Amino acid sequence: MKKGIVAILKGTFLVSGDALRNWKFILFASALATIMIASSHAADRKVHQIAAMNDEVRELRSEFVETRSRAQRLKLESTIRERVREVGLLPAQSPPRKILINATP
């Protein structure tokens, strides 16, 4: 056990007879670590994109609600009467009548 620790500290395990096996493992571990780091960065990037999109959705939803309430106010009869009065039109004094046409030949 003591020889193994000394070999690791001196680095002789990298130049000994079966060093190729050790190098393969080191390269494999390094590649695995690189992939894990890249995956973590990609996940963080996605989280930031999701947060930005959620903010955009909230903003668009509030804009939609504001526009819908403005449209509902514009459709009110009192608002329409005020706008029509500016043009010079007034509401009818008598109620409308139905006109029935008998289309018999």
PDB file of N, CA and C in Angstrom:
ATOM      1  N   MET A   1       0.823  -1.180   0.000  1.00  0.00           N
ATOM      2  CA  MET A   1       0.000   0.000   0.000  1.00  0.00           C
ATOM      3  C   MET A   1       0.874   1.253   0.000  1.00  0.00           C
ATOM      4  N   LYS A   2       1.941   1.215   0.818  1.00  0.00           N
ATOM      5  CA  LYS A   2       2.843   2.346   0.893  1.00  0.00           C
ATOM      6  C   LYS A   2       3.534   2.571  -0.446  1.00  0.00           C
ATOM      7  N   LYS A   3       3.886   1.478  -1.135  1.00  0.00           N
ATOM      8  CA  LYS A   3       4.545   1.594  -2.436  1.00  0.00           C
ATOM      9  C   LYS A   3       3.599   2.218  -3.467  1.00  0.00           C
ATOM     10  N   GLY A   4       2.307   1.878  -3.375  1.00  0.00           N
ATOM     11  CA  GLY A   4       1.312   2.436  -4.310  1.00  0.00           C
ATOM     12  C   GLY A   4       1.166   3.930  -4.152  1.00  0.00           C
ATOM     13  N   ILE A   5       1.132   4.393  -2.922  1.00  0.00           N
ATOM     14  CA  ILE A   5       0.999   5.830  -2.667  1.00  0.00           C
ATOM     15  C   ILE A   5       2.254   6.562  -3.107  1.00  0.00           C
ATOM     16  N   VAL A   6       3.406   5.989  -2.832  1.00  0.00           N
ATOM     17  CA  VAL A   6       4.676   6.608  -3.246  1.00  0.00           C
ATOM     18  C   VAL A   6       4.751   6.643  -4.766  1.00  0.00           C
ATOM     19  N   ALA A   7       4.282   5.570  -5.430  1.00  0.00           N
ATOM     20  CA  ALA A   7       4.302   5.534  -6.899  1.00  0.00           C
ATOM     21  C   ALA A   7       3.391   6.608  -7.474  1.00  0.00           C
ATOM     22  N   ILE A   8       2.262   6.827  -6.851  1.00  0.00           N
ATOM     23  CA  ILE A   8       1.347   7.874  -7.317  1.00  0.00           C
ATOM     24  C   ILE A   8       1.967   9.247  -7.109  1.00  0.00           C
ATOM     25  N   LEU A   9       2.562   9.474  -5.939  1.00  0.00           N
ATOM     26  CA  LEU A   9       3.167  10.767  -5.654  1.00  0.00           C
ATOM     27  C   LEU A   9       4.361  11.055  -6.558  1.00  0.00           C
ATOM     28  N   LYS A  10       5.168  10.054  -6.851  1.00  0.00           N
ATOM     29  CA  LYS A  10       6.331  10.251  -7.722  1.00  0.00           C
ATOM     30  C   LYS A  10       5.941  10.259  -9.192  1.00  0.00           C
ATOM     31  N   GLY A  11       4.819   9.670  -9.521  1.00  0.00           N
ATOM     32  CA  GLY A  11       4.380   9.622 -10.914  1.00  0.00           C
ATOM     33  C   GLY A  11       4.966   8.465 -11.684  1.00  0.00           C
ATOM     34  N   THR A  12       5.533   7.482 -10.999  1.00  0.00           N
ATOM     35  CA  THR A  12       6.146   6.349 -11.698  1.00  0.00           C
ATOM     36  C   THR A  12       5.103   5.455 -12.351  1.00  0.00           C
ATOM     37  N   PHE A  13       3.862   5.526 -11.900  1.00  0.00           N
ATOM     38  CA  PHE A  13       2.826   4.691 -12.509  1.00  0.00           C
ATOM     39  C   PHE A  13       2.522   5.144 -13.936  1.00  0.00           C
ATOM     40  N   LEU A  14       2.980   6.350 -14.314  1.00  0.00           N
ATOM     41  CA  LEU A  14       2.743   6.847 -15.663  1.00  0.00           C
ATOM     42  C   LEU A  14       3.840   6.447 -16.649  1.00  0.00           C
ATOM     43  N   VAL A  15       4.972   5.981 -16.158  1.00  0.00           N
ATOM     44  CA  VAL A  15       6.073   5.617 -17.043  1.00  0.00           C
ATOM     45  C   VAL A  15       6.497   4.170 -16.885  1.00  0.00           C
ATOM     46  N   SER A  16       5.822   3.426 -16.032  1.00  0.00           N
ATOM     47  CA  SER A  16       6.201   2.025 -15.809  1.00  0.00           C
ATOM     48  C   SER A  16       5.751   1.166 -16.994  1.00  0.00           C
ATOM     49  N   GLY A  17       5.928  -0.129 -16.899  1.00  0.00           N
ATOM     50  CA  GLY A  17       5.626  -1.051 -17.980  1.00  0.00           C
ATOM     51  C   GLY A  17       4.166  -1.075 -18.395  1.00  0.00           C
ATOM     52  N   ASP A  18       3.229  -1.030 -17.463  1.00  0.00           N
ATOM     53  CA  ASP A  18       1.804  -1.052 -17.802  1.00  0.00           C
ATOM     54  C   ASP A  18       1.200   0.359 -17.759  1.00  0.00           C
ATOM     55  N   ALA A  19       1.999   1.356 -18.114  1.00  0.00           N
ATOM     56  CA  ALA A  19       1.570   2.754 -18.072  1.00  0.00           C
ATOM     57  C   ALA A  19       0.483   3.037 -19.106  1.00  0.00           C
ATOM     58  N   LEU A  20       0.450   2.309 -20.212  1.00  0.00           N
ATOM     59  CA  LEU A  20      -0.550   2.554 -21.254  1.00  0.00           C
ATOM     60  C   LEU A  20      -1.963   2.398 -20.687  1.00  0.00           C
ATOM     61  N   ARG A  21      -2.154   1.381 -19.846  1.00  0.00           N
ATOM     62  CA  ARG A  21      -3.463   1.156 -19.230  1.00  0.00           C
ATOM     63  C   ARG A  21      -3.828   2.339 -18.320  1.00  0.00           C
ATOM     64  N   ASN A  22      -2.868   2.837 -17.587  1.00  0.00           N
ATOM     65  CA  ASN A  22      -3.110   3.978 -16.702  1.00  0.00           C
ATOM     66  C   ASN A  22      -3.442   5.238 -17.507  1.00  0.00           C
ATOM     67  N   TRP A  23      -2.716   5.462 -18.612  1.00  0.00           N
ATOM     68  CA  TRP A  23      -2.968   6.623 -19.452  1.00  0.00           C
ATOM     69  C   TRP A  23      -4.365   6.557 -20.070  1.00  0.00           C
ATOM     70  N   LYS A  24      -4.757   5.353 -20.488  1.00  0.00           N
ATOM     71  CA  LYS A  24      -6.099   5.197 -21.061  1.00  0.00           C
ATOM     72  C   LYS A  24      -7.161   5.591 -20.041  1.00  0.00           C
ATOM     73  N   PHE A  25      -6.969   5.140 -18.807  1.00  0.00           N
ATOM     74  CA  PHE A  25      -7.940   5.469 -17.762  1.00  0.00           C
ATOM     75  C   PHE A  25      -7.959   6.964 -17.480  1.00  0.00           C
ATOM     76  N   ILE A  26      -6.781   7.594 -17.429  1.00  0.00           N
ATOM     77  CA  ILE A  26      -6.707   9.033 -17.172  1.00  0.00           C
ATOM     78  C   ILE A  26      -7.392   9.808 -18.288  1.00  0.00           C
ATOM     79  N   LEU A  27      -7.142   9.420 -19.528  1.00  0.00           N
ATOM     80  CA  LEU A  27      -7.793  10.095 -20.662  1.00  0.00           C
ATOM     81  C   LEU A  27      -9.307   9.881 -20.629  1.00  0.00           C
ATOM     82  N   PHE A  28      -9.736   8.656 -20.288  1.00  0.00           N
ATOM     83  CA  PHE A  28     -11.168   8.382 -20.184  1.00  0.00           C
ATOM     84  C   PHE A  28     -11.808   9.240 -19.090  1.00  0.00           C
ATOM     85  N   ALA A  29     -11.156   9.308 -17.928  1.00  0.00           N
ATOM     86  CA  ALA A  29     -11.691  10.115 -16.824  1.00  0.00           C
ATOM     87  C   ALA A  29     -11.728  11.596 -17.196  1.00  0.00           C
ATOM     88  N   SER A  30     -10.705  12.066 -17.912  1.00  0.00           N
ATOM     89  CA  SER A  30     -10.674  13.471 -18.345  1.00  0.00           C
ATOM     90  C   SER A  30     -11.796  13.760 -19.338  1.00  0.00           C
ATOM     91  N   ALA A  31     -12.000  12.850 -20.299  1.00  0.00           N
ATOM     92  CA  ALA A  31     -13.081  13.038 -21.273  1.00  0.00           C
ATOM     93  C   ALA A  31     -14.431  13.036 -20.573  1.00  0.00           C
ATOM     94  N   LEU A  32     -14.617  12.141 -19.626  1.00  0.00           N
ATOM     95  CA  LEU A  32     -15.863  12.075 -18.874  1.00  0.00           C
ATOM     96  C   LEU A  32     -16.105  13.366 -18.095  1.00  0.00           C
ATOM     97  N   ALA A  33     -15.053  13.898 -17.466  1.00  0.00           N
ATOM     98  CA  ALA A  33     -15.187  15.147 -16.719  1.00  0.00           C
ATOM     99  C   ALA A  33     -15.540  16.301 -17.652  1.00  0.00           C
ATOM    100  N   THR A  34     -14.919  16.330 -18.838  1.00  0.00           N
ATOM    101  CA  THR A  34     -15.212  17.379 -19.814  1.00  0.00           C
ATOM    102  C   THR A  34     -16.666  17.309 -20.263  1.00  0.00           C
ATOM    103  N   ILE A  35     -17.152  16.108 -20.522  1.00  0.00           N
ATOM    104  CA  ILE A  35     -18.548  15.936 -20.938  1.00  0.00           C
ATOM    105  C   ILE A  35     -19.499  16.368 -19.824  1.00  0.00           C
ATOM    106  N   MET A  36     -19.180  16.024 -18.594  1.00  0.00           N
ATOM    107  CA  MET A  36     -20.033  16.422 -17.468  1.00  0.00           C
ATOM    108  C   MET A  36     -20.071  17.937 -17.315  1.00  0.00           C
ATOM    109  N   ILE A  37     -18.931  18.593 -17.475  1.00  0.00           N
ATOM    110  CA  ILE A  37     -18.884  20.053 -17.361  1.00  0.00           C
ATOM    111  C   ILE A  37     -19.692  20.698 -18.481  1.00  0.00           C
ATOM    112  N   ALA A  38     -19.530  20.196 -19.707  1.00  0.00           N
ATOM    113  CA  ALA A  38     -20.281  20.747 -20.838  1.00  0.00           C
ATOM    114  C   ALA A  38     -21.779  20.542 -20.645  1.00  0.00           C
ATOM    115  N   SER A  39     -22.158  19.378 -20.148  1.00  0.00           N
ATOM    116  CA  SER A  39     -23.567  19.107 -19.896  1.00  0.00           C
ATOM    117  C   SER A  39     -24.129  20.045 -18.831  1.00  0.00           C
ATOM    118  N   SER A  40     -23.370  20.299 -17.807  1.00  0.00           N
ATOM    119  CA  SER A  40     -23.802  21.208 -16.743  1.00  0.00           C
ATOM    120  C   SER A  40     -23.989  22.627 -17.283  1.00  0.00           C
ATOM    121  N   HIS A  41     -23.060  23.073 -18.116  1.00  0.00           N
ATOM    122  CA  HIS A  41     -23.179  24.412 -18.707  1.00  0.00           C
ATOM    123  C   HIS A  41     -24.399  24.489 -19.617  1.00  0.00           C
ATOM    124  N   ALA A  42     -24.655  23.448 -20.388  1.00  0.00           N
ATOM    125  CA  ALA A  42     -25.826  23.430 -21.268  1.00  0.00           C
ATOM    126  C   ALA A  42     -27.107  23.477 -20.447  1.00  0.00           C
ATOM    127  N   ALA A  43     -27.146  22.761 -19.345  1.00  0.00           N
ATOM    128  CA  ALA A  43     -28.338  22.772 -18.482  1.00  0.00           C
ATOM    129  C   ALA A  43     -28.539  24.160 -17.871  1.00  0.00           C
ATOM    130  N   ASP A  44     -27.466  24.799 -17.435  1.00  0.00           N
ATOM    131  CA  ASP A  44     -27.578  26.153 -16.885  1.00  0.00           C
ATOM    132  C   ASP A  44     -28.087  27.127 -17.948  1.00  0.00           C
ATOM    133  N   ARG A  45     -27.597  26.984 -19.170  1.00  0.00           N
ATOM    134  CA  ARG A  45     -28.038  27.844 -20.267  1.00  0.00           C
ATOM    135  C   ARG A  45     -29.542  27.676 -20.501  1.00  0.00           C
ATOM    136  N   LYS A  46     -30.007  26.421 -20.463  1.00  0.00           N
ATOM    137  CA  LYS A  46     -31.441  26.152 -20.649  1.00  0.00           C
ATOM    138  C   LYS A  46     -32.263  26.779 -19.524  1.00  0.00           C
ATOM    139  N   VAL A  47     -31.766  26.692 -18.299  1.00  0.00           N
ATOM    140  CA  VAL A  47     -32.485  27.278 -17.167  1.00  0.00           C
ATOM    141  C   VAL A  47     -32.627  28.787 -17.349  1.00  0.00           C
ATOM    142  N   HIS A  48     -31.569  29.442 -17.804  1.00  0.00           N
ATOM    143  CA  HIS A  48     -31.625  30.885 -18.032  1.00  0.00           C
ATOM    144  C   HIS A  48     -32.592  31.217 -19.166  1.00  0.00           C
ATOM    145  N   GLN A  49     -32.589  30.407 -20.227  1.00  0.00           N
ATOM    146  CA  GLN A  49     -33.529  30.632 -21.325  1.00  0.00           C
ATOM    147  C   GLN A  49     -34.969  30.474 -20.851  1.00  0.00           C
ATOM    148  N   ILE A  50     -35.225  29.458 -20.035  1.00  0.00           N
ATOM    149  CA  ILE A  50     -36.576  29.231 -19.523  1.00  0.00           C
ATOM    150  C   ILE A  50     -37.017  30.405 -18.655  1.00  0.00           C
ATOM    151  N   ALA A  51     -36.125  30.913 -17.820  1.00  0.00           N
ATOM    152  CA  ALA A  51     -36.467  32.057 -16.966  1.00  0.00           C
ATOM    153  C   ALA A  51     -36.780  33.287 -17.817  1.00  0.00           C
ATOM    154  N   ALA A  52     -35.983  33.523 -18.854  1.00  0.00           N
ATOM    155  CA  ALA A  52     -36.234  34.671 -19.734  1.00  0.00           C
ATOM    156  C   ALA A  52     -37.570  34.512 -20.455  1.00  0.00           C
ATOM    157  N   MET A  53     -37.870  33.300 -20.904  1.00  0.00           N
ATOM    158  CA  MET A  53     -39.141  33.071 -21.598  1.00  0.00           C
ATOM    159  C   MET A  53     -40.328  33.221 -20.646  1.00  0.00           C
ATOM    160  N   ASN A  54     -40.177  32.793 -19.397  1.00  0.00           N
ATOM    161  CA  ASN A  54     -41.252  32.973 -18.422  1.00  0.00           C
ATOM    162  C   ASN A  54     -41.516  34.455 -18.178  1.00  0.00           C
ATOM    163  N   ASP A  55     -40.457  35.252 -18.106  1.00  0.00           N
ATOM    164  CA  ASP A  55     -40.634  36.700 -17.951  1.00  0.00           C
ATOM    165  C   ASP A  55     -41.365  37.285 -19.151  1.00  0.00           C
ATOM    166  N   GLU A  56     -40.982  36.834 -20.340  1.00  0.00           N
ATOM    167  CA  GLU A  56     -41.633  37.324 -21.559  1.00  0.00           C
ATOM    168  C   GLU A  56     -43.109  36.925 -21.589  1.00  0.00           C
ATOM    169  N   VAL A  57     -43.414  35.704 -21.152  1.00  0.00           N
ATOM    170  CA  VAL A  57     -44.806  35.245 -21.119  1.00  0.00           C
ATOM    171  C   VAL A  57     -45.616  36.095 -20.154  1.00  0.00           C
ATOM    172  N   ARG A  58     -45.064  36.394 -18.982  1.00  0.00           N
ATOM    173  CA  ARG A  58     -45.772  37.242 -18.018  1.00  0.00           C
ATOM    174  C   ARG A  58     -46.042  38.621 -18.602  1.00  0.00           C
ATOM    175  N   GLU A  59     -45.038  39.177 -19.275  1.00  0.00           N
ATOM    176  CA  GLU A  59     -45.189  40.500 -19.871  1.00  0.00           C
ATOM    177  C   GLU A  59     -46.258  40.482 -20.966  1.00  0.00           C
ATOM    178  N   LEU A  60     -46.227  39.480 -21.821  1.00  0.00           N
ATOM    179  CA  LEU A  60     -47.216  39.390 -22.889  1.00  0.00           C
ATOM    180  C   LEU A  60     -48.616  39.148 -22.333  1.00  0.00           C
ATOM    181  N   ARG A  61     -48.714  38.363 -21.266  1.00  0.00           N
ATOM    182  CA  ARG A  61     -50.025  38.107 -20.659  1.00  0.00           C
ATOM    183  C   ARG A  61     -50.605  39.398 -20.083  1.00  0.00           C
ATOM    184  N   SER A  62     -49.775  40.199 -19.416  1.00  0.00           N
ATOM    185  CA  SER A  62     -50.286  41.456 -18.859  1.00  0.00           C
ATOM    186  C   SER A  62     -50.674  42.418 -19.980  1.00  0.00           C
ATOM    187  N   GLU A  63     -49.924  42.425 -21.072  1.00  0.00           N
ATOM    188  CA  GLU A  63     -50.274  43.262 -22.222  1.00  0.00           C
ATOM    189  C   GLU A  63     -51.601  42.812 -22.824  1.00  0.00           C
ATOM    190  N   PHE A  64     -51.818  41.496 -22.898  1.00  0.00           N
ATOM    191  CA  PHE A  64     -53.070  40.958 -23.418  1.00  0.00           C
ATOM    192  C   PHE A  64     -54.243  41.378 -22.538  1.00  0.00           C
ATOM    193  N   VAL A  65     -54.083  41.261 -21.230  1.00  0.00           N
ATOM    194  CA  VAL A  65     -55.163  41.627 -20.308  1.00  0.00           C
ATOM    195  C   VAL A  65     -55.476  43.111 -20.431  1.00  0.00           C
ATOM    196  N   GLU A  66     -54.438  43.930 -20.541  1.00  0.00           N
ATOM    197  CA  GLU A  66     -54.646  45.370 -20.684  1.00  0.00           C
ATOM    198  C   GLU A  66     -55.376  45.692 -21.976  1.00  0.00           C
ATOM    199  N   THR A  67     -54.973  45.062 -23.067  1.00  0.00           N
ATOM    200  CA  THR A  67     -55.616  45.306 -24.356  1.00  0.00           C
ATOM    201  C   THR A  67     -57.057  44.832 -24.348  1.00  0.00           C
ATOM    202  N   ARG A  68     -57.315  43.688 -23.731  1.00  0.00           N
ATOM    203  CA  ARG A  68     -58.676  43.161 -23.674  1.00  0.00           C
ATOM    204  C   ARG A  68     -59.574  44.078 -22.856  1.00  0.00           C
ATOM    205  N   SER A  69     -59.088  44.597 -21.730  1.00  0.00           N
ATOM    206  CA  SER A  69     -59.912  45.494 -20.918  1.00  0.00           C
ATOM    207  C   SER A  69     -60.167  46.807 -21.660  1.00  0.00           C
ATOM    208  N   ARG A  70     -59.169  47.292 -22.401  1.00  0.00           N
ATOM    209  CA  ARG A  70     -59.363  48.514 -23.193  1.00  0.00           C
ATOM    210  C   ARG A  70     -60.413  48.285 -24.275  1.00  0.00           C
ATOM    211  N   ALA A  71     -60.373  47.117 -24.922  1.00  0.00           N
ATOM    212  CA  ALA A  71     -61.363  46.798 -25.957  1.00  0.00           C
ATOM    213  C   ALA A  71     -62.758  46.689 -25.357  1.00  0.00           C
ATOM    214  N   GLN A  72     -62.870  46.106 -24.173  1.00  0.00           N
ATOM    215  CA  GLN A  72     -64.181  46.003 -23.530  1.00  0.00           C
ATOM    216  C   GLN A  72     -64.727  47.378 -23.177  1.00  0.00           C
ATOM    217  N   ARG A  73     -63.865  48.279 -22.738  1.00  0.00           N
ATOM    218  CA  ARG A  73     -64.316  49.640 -22.448  1.00  0.00           C
ATOM    219  C   ARG A  73     -64.782  50.344 -23.708  1.00  0.00           C
ATOM    220  N   LEU A  74     -64.093  50.110 -24.824  1.00  0.00           N
ATOM    221  CA  LEU A  74     -64.483  50.756 -26.079  1.00  0.00           C
ATOM    222  C   LEU A  74     -65.803  50.219 -26.617  1.00  0.00           C
ATOM    223  N   LYS A  75     -66.158  48.983 -26.269  1.00  0.00           N
ATOM    224  CA  LYS A  75     -67.402  48.391 -26.753  1.00  0.00           C
ATOM    225  C   LYS A  75     -68.612  48.790 -25.924  1.00  0.00           C
ATOM    226  N   LEU A  76     -68.402  49.462 -24.801  1.00  0.00           N
ATOM    227  CA  LEU A  76     -69.528  49.871 -23.965  1.00  0.00           C
ATOM    228  C   LEU A  76     -70.415  50.861 -24.708  1.00  0.00           C
ATOM    229  N   GLU A  77     -71.718  50.767 -24.456  1.00  0.00           N
ATOM    230  CA  GLU A  77     -72.674  51.636 -25.141  1.00  0.00           C
ATOM    231  C   GLU A  77     -72.421  53.099 -24.822  1.00  0.00           C
ATOM    232  N   SER A  78     -72.070  53.402 -23.587  1.00  0.00           N
ATOM    233  CA  SER A  78     -71.823  54.799 -23.210  1.00  0.00           C
ATOM    234  C   SER A  78     -70.624  55.376 -23.967  1.00  0.00           C
ATOM    235  N   THR A  79     -69.592  54.565 -24.154  1.00  0.00           N
ATOM    236  CA  THR A  79     -68.416  55.039 -24.898  1.00  0.00           C
ATOM    237  C   THR A  79     -68.765  55.272 -26.355  1.00  0.00           C
ATOM    238  N   ILE A  80     -69.543  54.365 -26.913  1.00  0.00           N
ATOM    239  CA  ILE A  80     -69.949  54.507 -28.324  1.00  0.00           C
ATOM    240  C   ILE A  80     -70.822  55.751 -28.487  1.00  0.00           C
ATOM    241  N   ARG A  81     -71.753  56.003 -27.541  1.00  0.00           N
ATOM    242  CA  ARG A  81     -72.615  57.197 -27.620  1.00  0.00           C
ATOM    243  C   ARG A  81     -71.786  58.472 -27.586  1.00  0.00           C
ATOM    244  N   GLU A  82     -70.773  58.504 -26.733  1.00  0.00           N
ATOM    245  CA  GLU A  82     -69.930  59.704 -26.660  1.00  0.00           C
ATOM    246  C   GLU A  82     -69.196  59.940 -27.972  1.00  0.00           C
ATOM    247  N   ARG A  83     -68.667  58.902 -28.553  1.00  0.00           N
ATOM    248  CA  ARG A  83     -67.914  59.055 -29.812  1.00  0.00           C
ATOM    249  C   ARG A  83     -68.831  59.446 -30.965  1.00  0.00           C
ATOM    250  N   VAL A  84     -70.029  58.876 -30.977  1.00  0.00           N
ATOM    251  CA  VAL A  84     -70.969  59.193 -32.050  1.00  0.00           C
ATOM    252  C   VAL A  84     -71.495  60.611 -31.884  1.00  0.00           C
ATOM    253  N   ARG A  85     -71.676  61.056 -30.646  1.00  0.00           N
ATOM    254  CA  ARG A  85     -72.148  62.415 -30.379  1.00  0.00           C
ATOM    255  C   ARG A  85     -71.137  63.428 -30.901  1.00  0.00           C
ATOM    256  N   GLU A  86     -69.843  63.129 -30.824  1.00  0.00           N
ATOM    257  CA  GLU A  86     -68.815  64.035 -31.349  1.00  0.00           C
ATOM    258  C   GLU A  86     -68.961  64.228 -32.850  1.00  0.00           C
ATOM    259  N   VAL A  87     -69.425  63.189 -33.538  1.00  0.00           N
ATOM    260  CA  VAL A  87     -69.606  63.270 -34.988  1.00  0.00           C
ATOM    261  C   VAL A  87     -70.894  64.017 -35.315  1.00  0.00           C
ATOM    262  N   GLY A  88     -71.848  64.043 -34.391  1.00  0.00           N
ATOM    263  CA  GLY A  88     -73.097  64.761 -34.621  1.00  0.00           C
ATOM    264  C   GLY A  88     -74.303  63.846 -34.685  1.00  0.00           C
ATOM    265  N   LEU A  89     -74.148  62.580 -34.418  1.00  0.00           N
ATOM    266  CA  LEU A  89     -75.277  61.663 -34.435  1.00  0.00           C
ATOM    267  C   LEU A  89     -75.870  61.561 -33.036  1.00  0.00           C
ATOM    268  N   LEU A  90     -77.190  61.420 -32.988  1.00  0.00           N
ATOM    269  CA  LEU A  90     -77.888  61.278 -31.712  1.00  0.00           C
ATOM    270  C   LEU A  90     -78.670  59.976 -31.720  1.00  0.00           C
ATOM    271  N   PRO A  91     -78.998  59.432 -30.558  1.00  0.00           N
ATOM    272  CA  PRO A  91     -79.794  58.213 -30.527  1.00  0.00           C
ATOM    273  C   PRO A  91     -81.202  58.466 -31.060  1.00  0.00           C
ATOM    274  N   ALA A  92     -81.823  57.436 -31.594  1.00  0.00           N
ATOM    275  CA  ALA A  92     -83.169  57.563 -32.162  1.00  0.00           C
ATOM    276  C   ALA A  92     -84.180  57.851 -31.056  1.00  0.00           C
ATOM    277  N   GLN A  93     -85.195  58.681 -31.378  1.00  0.00           N
ATOM    278  CA  GLN A  93     -86.231  59.027 -30.412  1.00  0.00           C
ATOM    279  C   GLN A  93     -87.298  57.946 -30.335  1.00  0.00           C
ATOM    280  N   SER A  94     -87.534  57.254 -31.455  1.00  0.00           N
ATOM    281  CA  SER A  94     -88.538  56.191 -31.472  1.00  0.00           C
ATOM    282  C   SER A  94     -87.836  54.852 -31.669  1.00  0.00           C
ATOM    283  N   PRO A  95     -88.419  53.805 -31.111  1.00  0.00           N
ATOM    284  CA  PRO A  95     -87.777  52.499 -31.240  1.00  0.00           C
ATOM    285  C   PRO A  95     -87.814  52.001 -32.686  1.00  0.00           C
ATOM    286  N   PRO A  96     -86.931  51.133 -33.066  1.00  0.00           N
ATOM    287  CA  PRO A  96     -86.916  50.635 -34.442  1.00  0.00           C
ATOM    288  C   PRO A  96     -88.128  49.731 -34.708  1.00  0.00           C
ATOM    289  N   ARG A  97     -88.551  49.664 -35.985  1.00  0.00           N
ATOM    290  CA  ARG A  97     -89.677  48.824 -36.380  1.00  0.00           C
ATOM    291  C   ARG A  97     -89.176  47.738 -37.307  1.00  0.00           C
ATOM    292  N   LYS A  98     -89.847  46.594 -37.239  1.00  0.00           N
ATOM    293  CA  LYS A  98     -89.523  45.499 -38.145  1.00  0.00           C
ATOM    294  C   LYS A  98     -90.283  45.689 -39.437  1.00  0.00           C
ATOM    295  N   ILE A  99     -89.600  45.443 -40.517  1.00  0.00           N
ATOM    296  CA  ILE A  99     -90.257  45.503 -41.818  1.00  0.00           C
ATOM    297  C   ILE A  99     -90.367  44.081 -42.305  1.00  0.00           C
ATOM    298  N   LEU A 100     -91.590  43.631 -42.527  1.00  0.00           N
ATOM    299  CA  LEU A 100     -91.840  42.282 -42.994  1.00  0.00           C
ATOM    300  C   LEU A 100     -92.213  42.338 -44.458  1.00  0.00           C
ATOM    301  N   ILE A 101     -91.594  41.514 -45.234  1.00  0.00           N
ATOM    302  CA  ILE A 101     -91.865  41.437 -46.680  1.00  0.00           C
ATOM    303  C   ILE A 101     -92.371  40.045 -46.966  1.00  0.00           C
ATOM    304  N   ASN A 102     -93.561  39.980 -47.562  1.00  0.00           N
ATOM    305  CA  ASN A 102     -94.107  38.692 -47.992  1.00  0.00           C
ATOM    306  C   ASN A 102     -93.665  38.463 -49.420  1.00  0.00           C
ATOM    307  N   ALA A 103     -92.860  37.503 -49.627  1.00  0.00           N
ATOM    308  CA  ALA A 103     -92.336  37.223 -50.970  1.00  0.00           C
ATOM    309  C   ALA A 103     -93.113  36.094 -51.602  1.00  0.00           C
ATOM    310  N   THR A 104     -94.383  36.313 -51.871  1.00  0.00           N
ATOM    311  CA  THR A 104     -95.182  35.295 -52.534  1.00  0.00           C
ATOM    312  C   THR A 104     -95.380  35.697 -53.991  1.00  0.00           C
ATOM    313  N   PRO A 105     -95.163  34.807 -54.936  1.00  0.00           N
ATOM    314  CA  PRO A 105     -95.287  35.179 -56.353  1.00  0.00           C
ATOM    315  C   PRO A 105     -96.698  35.207 -56.845  1.00  0.00           C
TER     316      PRO A 105
END
